[in-house]
Amino acid sequence: MGVKVQSKESNIKLLLLGRAVSLFGNTIYLIVLPLYILNITQNLKTTGIFFAAVNFPTIIISIFI
């Protein structure tokens, strides 16, 4: 008695909201991290190598998908 059951629609909305927040965080991470490395090292070559190393697995995996 008094137990409230969540609808499937509510669960889907929460799932989509969580996915959107996660994607936003991942995008911010990919933008800010190279800028942070550039700020620390003041070297574009090091920043470029780091950026390439971070994105290399994504590029390789996307070839096969």
N, C-alpha and C. Protein backbone atom coordinates (compact mmCIF):
# COMPACT_ATOMS: atom_id res chain seq x y z
N MET A 1 0.83 -1.17 0.00
CA MET A 1 0.00 0.00 0.00
C MET A 1 0.88 1.24 0.00
N GLY A 2 0.57 2.15 -0.86
CA GLY A 2 1.35 3.37 -0.91
C GLY A 2 2.63 3.25 -1.72
N VAL A 3 2.84 2.11 -2.39
CA VAL A 3 4.04 1.93 -3.19
C VAL A 3 3.79 2.51 -4.57
N LYS A 4 4.68 3.41 -4.99
CA LYS A 4 4.52 4.06 -6.29
C LYS A 4 5.42 3.34 -7.30
N VAL A 5 4.86 2.96 -8.41
CA VAL A 5 5.59 2.27 -9.46
C VAL A 5 5.94 3.28 -10.54
N GLN A 6 7.24 3.34 -10.91
CA GLN A 6 7.65 4.25 -11.97
C GLN A 6 7.25 3.67 -13.31
N SER A 7 6.85 4.54 -14.21
CA SER A 7 6.49 4.08 -15.54
C SER A 7 7.74 3.87 -16.37
N LYS A 8 7.61 3.09 -17.43
CA LYS A 8 8.73 2.85 -18.32
C LYS A 8 9.16 4.14 -19.01
N GLU A 9 8.20 5.02 -19.26
CA GLU A 9 8.50 6.30 -19.90
C GLU A 9 9.42 7.14 -19.02
N SER A 10 9.18 7.13 -17.73
CA SER A 10 10.02 7.87 -16.80
C SER A 10 11.43 7.31 -16.77
N ASN A 11 11.54 5.97 -16.81
CA ASN A 11 12.86 5.34 -16.81
C ASN A 11 13.63 5.67 -18.08
N ILE A 12 12.95 5.71 -19.21
CA ILE A 12 13.60 6.04 -20.48
C ILE A 12 14.08 7.49 -20.46
N LYS A 13 13.28 8.39 -19.91
CA LYS A 13 13.69 9.79 -19.82
C LYS A 13 14.94 9.93 -18.97
N LEU A 14 14.99 9.22 -17.85
CA LEU A 14 16.17 9.27 -16.99
C LEU A 14 17.39 8.69 -17.69
N LEU A 15 17.20 7.61 -18.44
CA LEU A 15 18.29 7.00 -19.18
C LEU A 15 18.84 7.96 -20.23
N LEU A 16 17.96 8.61 -20.97
CA LEU A 16 18.39 9.56 -22.00
C LEU A 16 19.06 10.78 -21.39
N LEU A 17 18.55 11.25 -20.26
CA LEU A 17 19.18 12.38 -19.58
C LEU A 17 20.58 12.01 -19.10
N GLY A 18 20.72 10.83 -18.55
CA GLY A 18 22.04 10.37 -18.11
C GLY A 18 23.01 10.24 -19.26
N ARG A 19 22.53 9.74 -20.39
CA ARG A 19 23.37 9.60 -21.58
C ARG A 19 23.80 10.98 -22.09
N ALA A 20 22.89 11.94 -22.08
CA ALA A 20 23.21 13.29 -22.55
C ALA A 20 24.26 13.94 -21.65
N VAL A 21 24.12 13.79 -20.35
CA VAL A 21 25.10 14.35 -19.41
C VAL A 21 26.46 13.69 -19.61
N SER A 22 26.47 12.38 -19.82
CA SER A 22 27.72 11.66 -20.05
C SER A 22 28.41 12.13 -21.33
N LEU A 23 27.66 12.27 -22.41
CA LEU A 23 28.23 12.75 -23.67
C LEU A 23 28.78 14.17 -23.54
N PHE A 24 28.07 15.01 -22.83
CA PHE A 24 28.53 16.37 -22.60
C PHE A 24 29.86 16.36 -21.85
N GLY A 25 29.95 15.55 -20.81
CA GLY A 25 31.19 15.44 -20.04
C GLY A 25 32.34 14.93 -20.88
N ASN A 26 32.09 13.94 -21.71
CA ASN A 26 33.15 13.40 -22.57
C ASN A 26 33.64 14.45 -23.57
N THR A 27 32.72 15.22 -24.12
CA THR A 27 33.09 16.26 -25.07
C THR A 27 33.92 17.36 -24.41
N ILE A 28 33.50 17.78 -23.23
CA ILE A 28 34.26 18.79 -22.49
C ILE A 28 35.66 18.27 -22.18
N TYR A 29 35.75 17.01 -21.80
CA TYR A 29 37.05 16.38 -21.50
C TYR A 29 37.97 16.43 -22.71
N LEU A 30 37.44 16.10 -23.90
CA LEU A 30 38.27 16.10 -25.11
C LEU A 30 38.71 17.50 -25.52
N ILE A 31 37.96 18.52 -25.14
CA ILE A 31 38.33 19.89 -25.48
C ILE A 31 39.29 20.47 -24.44
N VAL A 32 39.01 20.26 -23.18
CA VAL A 32 39.76 20.91 -22.10
C VAL A 32 41.11 20.26 -21.84
N LEU A 33 41.20 18.95 -21.95
CA LEU A 33 42.45 18.28 -21.61
C LEU A 33 43.63 18.73 -22.49
N PRO A 34 43.49 18.80 -23.82
CA PRO A 34 44.61 19.33 -24.61
C PRO A 34 44.95 20.78 -24.26
N LEU A 35 43.94 21.59 -23.95
CA LEU A 35 44.22 22.97 -23.55
C LEU A 35 44.98 23.02 -22.23
N TYR A 36 44.65 22.12 -21.33
CA TYR A 36 45.36 22.03 -20.05
C TYR A 36 46.81 21.61 -20.27
N ILE A 37 47.03 20.62 -21.13
CA ILE A 37 48.40 20.18 -21.45
C ILE A 37 49.18 21.33 -22.08
N LEU A 38 48.56 22.07 -22.98
CA LEU A 38 49.21 23.22 -23.61
C LEU A 38 49.57 24.27 -22.56
N ASN A 39 48.68 24.51 -21.63
CA ASN A 39 48.92 25.49 -20.58
C ASN A 39 50.10 25.07 -19.69
N ILE A 40 50.20 23.79 -19.40
CA ILE A 40 51.29 23.30 -18.53
C ILE A 40 52.62 23.30 -19.27
N THR A 41 52.64 22.75 -20.50
CA THR A 41 53.91 22.55 -21.20
C THR A 41 54.33 23.75 -22.04
N GLN A 42 53.37 24.56 -22.49
CA GLN A 42 53.64 25.68 -23.41
C GLN A 42 54.35 25.19 -24.68
N ASN A 43 54.03 23.96 -25.10
CA ASN A 43 54.67 23.36 -26.26
C ASN A 43 53.58 22.74 -27.15
N LEU A 44 53.44 23.27 -28.36
CA LEU A 44 52.41 22.78 -29.27
C LEU A 44 52.69 21.36 -29.74
N LYS A 45 53.96 21.01 -29.90
CA LYS A 45 54.31 19.67 -30.36
C LYS A 45 53.87 18.62 -29.33
N THR A 46 54.16 18.86 -28.07
CA THR A 46 53.75 17.93 -27.01
C THR A 46 52.24 17.83 -26.93
N THR A 47 51.56 18.96 -27.06
CA THR A 47 50.10 18.96 -27.02
C THR A 47 49.53 18.18 -28.20
N GLY A 48 50.10 18.36 -29.37
CA GLY A 48 49.64 17.63 -30.55
C GLY A 48 49.84 16.13 -30.43
N ILE A 49 50.99 15.73 -29.90
CA ILE A 49 51.26 14.30 -29.69
C ILE A 49 50.27 13.72 -28.69
N PHE A 50 50.02 14.45 -27.61
CA PHE A 50 49.07 13.99 -26.61
C PHE A 50 47.67 13.88 -27.20
N PHE A 51 47.25 14.89 -27.96
CA PHE A 51 45.93 14.88 -28.57
C PHE A 51 45.79 13.70 -29.54
N ALA A 52 46.83 13.44 -30.32
CA ALA A 52 46.80 12.31 -31.25
C ALA A 52 46.73 10.99 -30.49
N ALA A 53 47.48 10.87 -29.41
CA ALA A 53 47.48 9.63 -28.63
C ALA A 53 46.12 9.38 -27.98
N VAL A 54 45.46 10.43 -27.54
CA VAL A 54 44.14 10.28 -26.91
C VAL A 54 43.10 9.85 -27.95
N ASN A 55 43.19 10.38 -29.16
CA ASN A 55 42.18 10.11 -30.19
C ASN A 55 42.51 8.91 -31.08
N PHE A 56 43.71 8.38 -31.01
CA PHE A 56 44.12 7.27 -31.86
C PHE A 56 43.21 6.04 -31.71
N PRO A 57 42.91 5.58 -30.49
CA PRO A 57 42.03 4.40 -30.38
C PRO A 57 40.65 4.62 -31.00
N THR A 58 40.10 5.81 -30.85
CA THR A 58 38.79 6.11 -31.43
C THR A 58 38.84 6.04 -32.95
N ILE A 59 39.90 6.55 -33.53
CA ILE A 59 40.05 6.53 -34.99
C ILE A 59 40.18 5.10 -35.50
N ILE A 60 41.00 4.30 -34.84
CA ILE A 60 41.21 2.92 -35.26
C ILE A 60 39.92 2.11 -35.12
N ILE A 61 39.22 2.25 -34.01
CA ILE A 61 37.99 1.49 -33.80
C ILE A 61 36.91 1.92 -34.79
N SER A 62 36.85 3.21 -35.12
CA SER A 62 35.81 3.68 -36.03
C SER A 62 36.00 3.15 -37.45
N ILE A 63 37.19 2.74 -37.80
CA ILE A 63 37.43 2.15 -39.12
C ILE A 63 36.67 0.84 -39.27
N PHE A 64 36.59 0.07 -38.19
CA PHE A 64 35.98 -1.26 -38.24
C PHE A 64 34.50 -1.28 -37.91
N ILE A 65 33.95 -0.15 -37.54
CA ILE A 65 32.52 -0.12 -37.17
C ILE A 65 31.70 0.39 -38.33
